[in-house]
Amino acid sequence: MYWFKNAIIYQLTKQINFENIEKQLKKCEFTPCGSADVSHFGWSAPLFTNGDLAHQADGKILLIAKREEKILPVEVVNRELIKRITALEEKEQRKLKKVERLSLKDDVIATLLPQAFSRIKTTALYIDTMKQLIFVDAASSKTAEDALALLRKSLGSLPVVPLAFNCAPCEVMTKWVTDTAPDWLILREEVEIREKADLGVIHCKQKDIEDEEIIELAKNGSVSKLALEWENNLKFILVEDGTLKRLKFDDNITEKNDDIVKEDVTARFDADFVLMASVLGKTVDSLIEEFGGIKDRL
């Protein structure tokens, strides 16, 4: 199962019918790189025992964007390129033009590609069709946007915006540190505080959040990152843009479905996916409430 390690959350601004998503994803299904290909990007089946590109359960759709890239170290390309340029210039007794050098470089890359190693990266995301939210397991917005661009290409359109709130998370997190946090949250020993007028950022790790020094720093600035724990179920870092980093589901969650026999791969996968999405979804629901609700889009 793909237990998410991060969550960048997007909101669908228009209702979308995902009834034909399996057929739509087939247009952008992942295929391995050929000998002359630099990279390929497409959808891969989340469950290896099932060829479906869209894994659906409990009103949620799990997708896996897969990218294969051929790795050609710059020094290897340059070494071979210099060798060819030198040989050709000596043969013709002249300096090669820029366009000729570029053409030679293309030839070098084409020659080396079949021998290059491949790097495979996957990005998991799931669509909560009932809440009209998309959760992307990505550490950077660039990676998340790439996956959404592939989904947009598959569906024809994808009206989404980053999830935004009525109250700024940095203001709410600052209040949690300097005043009180909600009962359902545990403040853990890691915080990042941005000084006023952007004078700098202070990172505090393995230090009690209730320490007077940290409280004073937070009062004179704003909390931009905060380590939290939700009801002994999920640990995470909350960032001021509303994203969740370094998700760590507790053992009591990841082992909850251990009673399902290992041979029933599909049942276990379904149960774990529904459980993960439920825990993550409830956490985000609580955060949305703390942040004054989802901001209305004009």
Protein backbone atom coordinates (compact mmCIF):
# COMPACT_ATOMS: atom_id res chain seq x y z
CA MET A 1 0.00 0.00 0.00
CA TYR A 2 1.10 3.55 -0.70
CA TRP A 3 1.12 5.11 2.78
CA PHE A 4 1.50 8.78 1.90
CA LYS A 5 4.61 10.54 3.21
CA ASN A 6 3.41 14.05 2.25
CA ALA A 7 0.14 15.71 1.34
CA ILE A 8 -0.20 18.71 -0.93
CA ILE A 9 -3.93 19.33 -1.17
CA TYR A 10 -5.91 20.85 -4.03
CA GLN A 11 -9.55 21.81 -4.32
CA LEU A 12 -11.65 21.19 -7.41
CA THR A 13 -13.40 24.43 -8.30
CA LYS A 14 -16.01 22.70 -10.47
CA GLN A 15 -17.83 19.41 -9.98
CA ILE A 16 -16.22 16.69 -12.10
CA ASN A 17 -17.73 13.33 -13.03
CA PHE A 18 -15.07 10.63 -12.79
CA GLU A 19 -17.32 7.89 -14.17
CA ASN A 20 -15.10 7.24 -17.21
CA ILE A 21 -11.74 7.89 -15.57
CA GLU A 22 -10.32 4.41 -16.31
CA LYS A 23 -10.88 4.87 -20.03
CA GLN A 24 -9.53 8.44 -19.92
CA LEU A 25 -6.35 7.39 -18.11
CA LYS A 26 -5.60 4.74 -20.75
CA LYS A 27 -4.71 7.56 -23.18
CA CYS A 28 -1.74 8.41 -20.96
CA GLU A 29 -0.78 4.95 -19.70
CA PHE A 30 2.89 4.55 -18.80
CA THR A 31 5.11 2.67 -21.23
CA PRO A 32 8.81 1.96 -20.60
CA CYS A 33 11.41 4.01 -22.45
CA GLY A 34 12.69 2.63 -25.74
CA SER A 35 16.40 2.65 -26.51
CA ALA A 36 16.20 6.13 -28.04
CA ASP A 37 13.84 7.70 -25.48
CA VAL A 38 15.04 10.18 -22.86
CA SER A 39 11.96 9.93 -20.61
CA HIS A 40 8.39 8.65 -20.38
CA PHE A 41 5.63 9.79 -18.01
CA GLY A 42 2.25 8.14 -17.59
CA TRP A 43 -0.19 6.28 -15.35
CA SER A 44 0.68 2.96 -13.73
CA ALA A 45 -1.64 0.50 -11.98
CA PRO A 46 -1.59 1.06 -8.18
CA LEU A 47 -2.21 -2.65 -7.51
CA PHE A 48 0.11 -5.08 -9.30
CA THR A 49 -2.50 -7.88 -9.25
CA ASN A 50 -4.97 -5.65 -11.07
CA GLY A 51 -4.31 -3.77 -14.30
CA ASP A 52 -6.74 -0.92 -13.49
CA LEU A 53 -5.07 2.49 -13.60
CA ALA A 54 -7.70 3.96 -11.26
CA HIS A 55 -8.08 2.09 -7.97
CA GLN A 56 -11.47 3.04 -6.54
CA ALA A 57 -12.75 2.46 -3.00
CA ASP A 58 -15.13 4.30 -0.66
CA GLY A 59 -15.62 7.26 -3.03
CA LYS A 60 -11.88 7.78 -3.46
CA ILE A 61 -9.69 7.15 -6.51
CA LEU A 62 -6.03 6.27 -6.12
CA LEU A 63 -3.69 7.00 -9.05
CA ILE A 64 0.03 6.46 -9.59
CA ALA A 65 1.96 8.73 -11.97
CA LYS A 66 5.16 6.99 -13.09
CA ARG A 67 8.19 8.62 -14.68
CA GLU A 68 11.19 6.89 -16.22
CA GLU A 69 14.24 9.01 -17.05
CA LYS A 70 17.45 7.92 -18.69
CA ILE A 71 20.46 9.07 -16.70
CA LEU A 72 23.31 10.43 -18.80
CA PRO A 73 25.98 12.09 -16.64
CA VAL A 74 27.07 15.44 -18.11
CA GLU A 75 30.75 14.53 -17.77
CA VAL A 76 30.24 11.35 -19.83
CA VAL A 77 28.47 13.26 -22.62
CA ASN A 78 31.08 16.05 -22.60
CA ARG A 79 33.99 13.59 -22.66
CA GLU A 80 32.64 11.84 -25.74
CA LEU A 81 31.66 15.15 -27.35
CA ILE A 82 35.14 16.67 -26.92
CA LYS A 83 36.64 13.51 -28.39
CA ARG A 84 34.46 13.76 -31.51
CA ILE A 85 34.93 17.53 -31.91
CA THR A 86 38.72 17.21 -31.65
CA ALA A 87 38.83 14.35 -34.16
CA LEU A 88 36.64 16.18 -36.69
CA GLU A 89 38.50 19.49 -36.36
CA GLU A 90 41.84 17.76 -36.90
CA LYS A 91 40.48 15.91 -39.90
CA GLU A 92 39.01 19.01 -41.57
CA GLN A 93 41.65 21.46 -40.27
CA ARG A 94 39.09 24.00 -39.07
CA LYS A 95 37.05 25.06 -36.06
CA LEU A 96 33.53 23.66 -35.97
CA LYS A 97 30.61 26.07 -35.94
CA LYS A 98 28.23 26.21 -32.99
CA VAL A 99 25.44 24.51 -34.94
CA GLU A 100 27.82 21.68 -35.87
CA ARG A 101 28.82 21.19 -32.23
CA LEU A 102 25.16 21.02 -31.19
CA SER A 103 24.47 18.48 -33.91
CA LEU A 104 27.40 16.37 -32.70
CA LYS A 105 26.07 16.57 -29.14
CA ASP A 106 22.70 15.24 -30.28
CA ASP A 107 24.50 12.36 -32.00
CA VAL A 108 26.48 11.60 -28.83
CA ILE A 109 23.32 11.53 -26.72
CA ALA A 110 21.56 9.27 -29.25
CA THR A 111 24.56 6.91 -29.19
CA LEU A 112 24.80 6.77 -25.38
CA LEU A 113 21.06 6.56 -24.55
CA PRO A 114 20.72 2.79 -25.18
CA GLN A 115 23.50 2.20 -22.62
CA ALA A 116 22.12 4.62 -20.02
CA PHE A 117 20.63 3.55 -16.70
CA SER A 118 17.00 4.38 -15.96
CA ARG A 119 15.64 6.16 -12.90
CA ILE A 120 12.03 5.41 -11.96
CA LYS A 121 9.98 7.79 -9.82
CA THR A 122 6.33 7.48 -8.85
CA THR A 123 3.91 10.04 -7.46
CA ALA A 124 0.76 8.81 -5.74
CA LEU A 125 -2.38 10.91 -5.52
CA TYR A 126 -5.96 10.28 -4.62
CA ILE A 127 -9.16 12.09 -5.48
CA ASP A 128 -11.80 12.41 -2.77
CA THR A 129 -14.85 12.59 -5.05
CA MET A 130 -17.22 13.45 -2.21
CA LYS A 131 -15.20 16.35 -0.82
CA GLN A 132 -13.87 17.31 -4.27
CA LEU A 133 -10.29 17.40 -2.97
CA ILE A 134 -7.11 15.94 -4.43
CA PHE A 135 -4.29 14.78 -2.15
CA VAL A 136 -0.86 14.47 -3.78
CA ASP A 137 2.01 12.63 -2.09
CA ALA A 138 4.78 15.01 -3.14
CA ALA A 139 7.52 16.86 -1.30
CA SER A 140 7.49 19.75 -3.79
CA SER A 141 4.75 21.67 -5.59
CA LYS A 142 6.62 21.07 -8.88
CA THR A 143 6.23 17.29 -8.52
CA ALA A 144 2.57 17.70 -7.54
CA GLU A 145 1.86 20.03 -10.46
CA ASP A 146 3.48 17.57 -12.89
CA ALA A 147 1.11 14.82 -11.71
CA LEU A 148 -1.88 17.16 -11.96
CA ALA A 149 -0.80 18.22 -15.46
CA LEU A 150 -0.84 14.54 -16.49
CA LEU A 151 -4.31 14.16 -14.98
CA ARG A 152 -5.47 17.30 -16.79
CA LYS A 153 -4.14 15.90 -20.06
CA SER A 154 -5.98 12.62 -19.43
CA LEU A 155 -9.32 14.17 -18.46
CA GLY A 156 -9.26 17.09 -20.90
CA SER A 157 -9.64 19.64 -18.08
CA LEU A 158 -8.93 19.83 -14.38
CA PRO A 159 -10.11 23.00 -12.61
CA VAL A 160 -8.09 22.88 -9.40
CA VAL A 161 -6.47 25.38 -7.05
CA PRO A 162 -4.30 24.85 -3.96
CA LEU A 163 -6.47 24.47 -0.88
CA ALA A 164 -6.73 27.85 0.88
CA PHE A 165 -8.32 28.84 4.18
CA ASN A 166 -10.13 31.82 5.67
CA CYS A 167 -7.50 32.14 8.41
CA ALA A 168 -3.79 32.08 7.63
CA PRO A 169 -2.22 28.86 9.02
CA CYS A 170 0.82 30.79 10.26
CA GLU A 171 -1.42 32.95 12.47
CA VAL A 172 -3.29 29.95 13.85
CA MET A 173 -0.09 27.96 14.50
CA THR A 174 1.44 30.98 16.24
CA LYS A 175 -1.61 31.11 18.53
CA TRP A 176 -1.23 27.39 19.27
CA VAL A 177 2.37 27.96 20.42
CA THR A 178 1.84 31.22 22.32
CA ASP A 179 -1.59 30.46 23.77
CA THR A 180 -3.44 27.15 23.52
CA ALA A 181 -3.70 24.35 20.95
CA PRO A 182 -6.87 22.33 20.31
CA ASP A 183 -7.36 19.21 22.46
CA TRP A 184 -7.06 16.86 19.47
CA LEU A 185 -3.53 18.05 18.67
CA ILE A 186 -0.23 17.34 20.36
CA LEU A 187 2.53 19.89 19.75
CA ARG A 188 5.80 18.04 19.16
CA GLU A 189 9.36 19.22 19.67
CA GLU A 190 10.00 20.95 16.36
CA VAL A 191 9.05 24.43 15.19
CA GLU A 192 10.18 26.98 12.60
CA ILE A 193 9.62 30.65 13.41
CA ARG A 194 9.85 33.42 10.85
CA GLU A 195 11.08 36.69 12.32
CA LYS A 196 9.19 39.90 11.60
CA ALA A 197 10.15 41.86 8.47
CA ASP A 198 11.65 38.60 7.10
CA LEU A 199 14.85 39.14 9.05
CA GLY A 200 15.44 35.41 9.23
CA VAL A 201 14.08 31.98 10.12
CA ILE A 202 14.71 30.23 13.44
CA HIS A 203 14.65 26.42 13.51
CA CYS A 204 14.08 24.73 16.87
CA LYS A 205 14.34 20.95 17.20
CA GLN A 206 14.11 18.63 20.18
CA LYS A 207 13.06 21.47 22.42
CA ASP A 208 9.87 21.71 24.46
CA ILE A 209 7.39 23.91 22.58
CA GLU A 210 6.16 25.26 25.94
CA ASP A 211 9.66 26.60 26.66
CA GLU A 212 9.43 30.32 27.47
CA GLU A 213 12.16 31.16 24.97
CA ILE A 214 10.23 29.55 22.10
CA ILE A 215 6.99 31.24 23.17
CA GLU A 216 8.74 34.60 23.24
CA LEU A 217 10.26 34.03 19.79
CA ALA A 218 6.83 33.08 18.42
CA LYS A 219 5.25 36.21 19.92
CA ASN A 220 7.84 38.33 18.11
CA GLY A 221 7.42 36.52 14.81
CA SER A 222 5.16 33.91 13.22
CA VAL A 223 5.24 30.11 13.16
CA SER A 224 5.87 28.87 9.61
CA LYS A 225 6.29 25.14 10.39
CA LEU A 226 5.13 23.08 13.32
CA ALA A 227 5.48 19.39 14.22
CA LEU A 228 2.12 17.95 15.28
CA GLU A 229 0.42 14.70 16.20
CA TRP A 230 -3.26 13.87 15.72
CA GLU A 231 -4.80 11.65 18.41
CA ASN A 232 -1.86 9.20 18.48
CA ASN A 233 -2.71 8.24 14.89
CA LEU A 234 -0.63 10.50 12.68
CA LYS A 235 2.52 12.60 13.12
CA PHE A 236 3.30 15.33 10.58
CA ILE A 237 4.86 18.72 9.93
CA LEU A 238 2.30 21.44 9.13
CA VAL A 239 3.63 24.14 6.80
CA GLU A 240 2.26 27.68 6.56
CA ASP A 241 0.96 27.04 3.02
CA GLY A 242 -1.31 24.29 4.40
CA THR A 243 0.73 21.32 3.16
CA LEU A 244 1.56 18.35 5.37
CA LYS A 245 5.11 16.99 5.32
CA ARG A 246 6.82 13.91 6.78
CA LEU A 247 3.61 12.02 7.44
CA LYS A 248 4.11 9.12 9.82
CA PHE A 249 1.12 6.88 10.46
CA ASP A 250 1.25 5.19 13.85
CA ASP A 251 1.73 1.42 14.06
CA ASN A 252 -1.78 1.08 15.46
CA ILE A 253 -3.00 2.36 12.08
CA THR A 254 -0.62 0.58 9.68
CA GLU A 255 -1.13 -2.74 11.50
CA LYS A 256 -4.89 -2.39 11.97
CA ASN A 257 -5.72 -4.65 9.01
CA ASP A 258 -3.18 -7.37 9.85
CA ASP A 259 -6.05 -9.79 10.43
CA ILE A 260 -6.70 -9.87 6.67
CA VAL A 261 -4.92 -12.90 5.19
CA LYS A 262 -1.81 -12.02 3.17
CA GLU A 263 -3.08 -14.03 0.20
CA ASP A 264 -6.03 -11.67 -0.23
CA VAL A 265 -3.89 -8.85 -1.65
CA THR A 266 -6.80 -6.82 -3.05
CA ALA A 267 -8.78 -6.86 0.19
CA ARG A 268 -5.75 -5.76 2.22
CA PHE A 269 -4.87 -3.05 -0.30
CA ASP A 270 -8.45 -1.72 -0.28
CA ALA A 271 -8.66 -1.76 3.51
CA ASP A 272 -5.31 0.01 3.96
CA PHE A 273 -6.13 2.63 1.31
CA VAL A 274 -9.53 3.41 2.85
CA LEU A 275 -7.96 3.55 6.32
CA MET A 276 -5.12 5.85 5.26
CA ALA A 277 -7.47 8.18 3.38
CA SER A 278 -9.83 8.23 6.37
CA VAL A 279 -7.11 9.17 8.88
CA LEU A 280 -5.61 11.78 6.56
CA GLY A 281 -9.03 13.12 5.62
CA LYS A 282 -10.18 13.50 9.25
CA THR A 283 -6.94 15.27 10.12
CA VAL A 284 -7.40 17.73 7.27
CA ASP A 285 -11.09 18.23 8.16
CA SER A 286 -10.04 19.22 11.68
CA LEU A 287 -7.38 21.59 10.33
CA ILE A 288 -9.89 23.18 7.96
CA GLU A 289 -12.18 23.86 10.92
CA GLU A 290 -9.30 25.38 12.92
CA PHE A 291 -8.41 27.59 9.95
CA GLY A 292 -11.93 29.00 9.68
CA GLY A 293 -13.07 26.88 6.75
CA ILE A 294 -12.10 26.71 3.09
CA LYS A 295 -11.70 30.08 1.43
CA ASP A 296 -14.42 30.86 -1.12
CA ARG A 297 -13.18 31.23 -4.70
CA LEU A 298 -14.59 34.11 -6.72
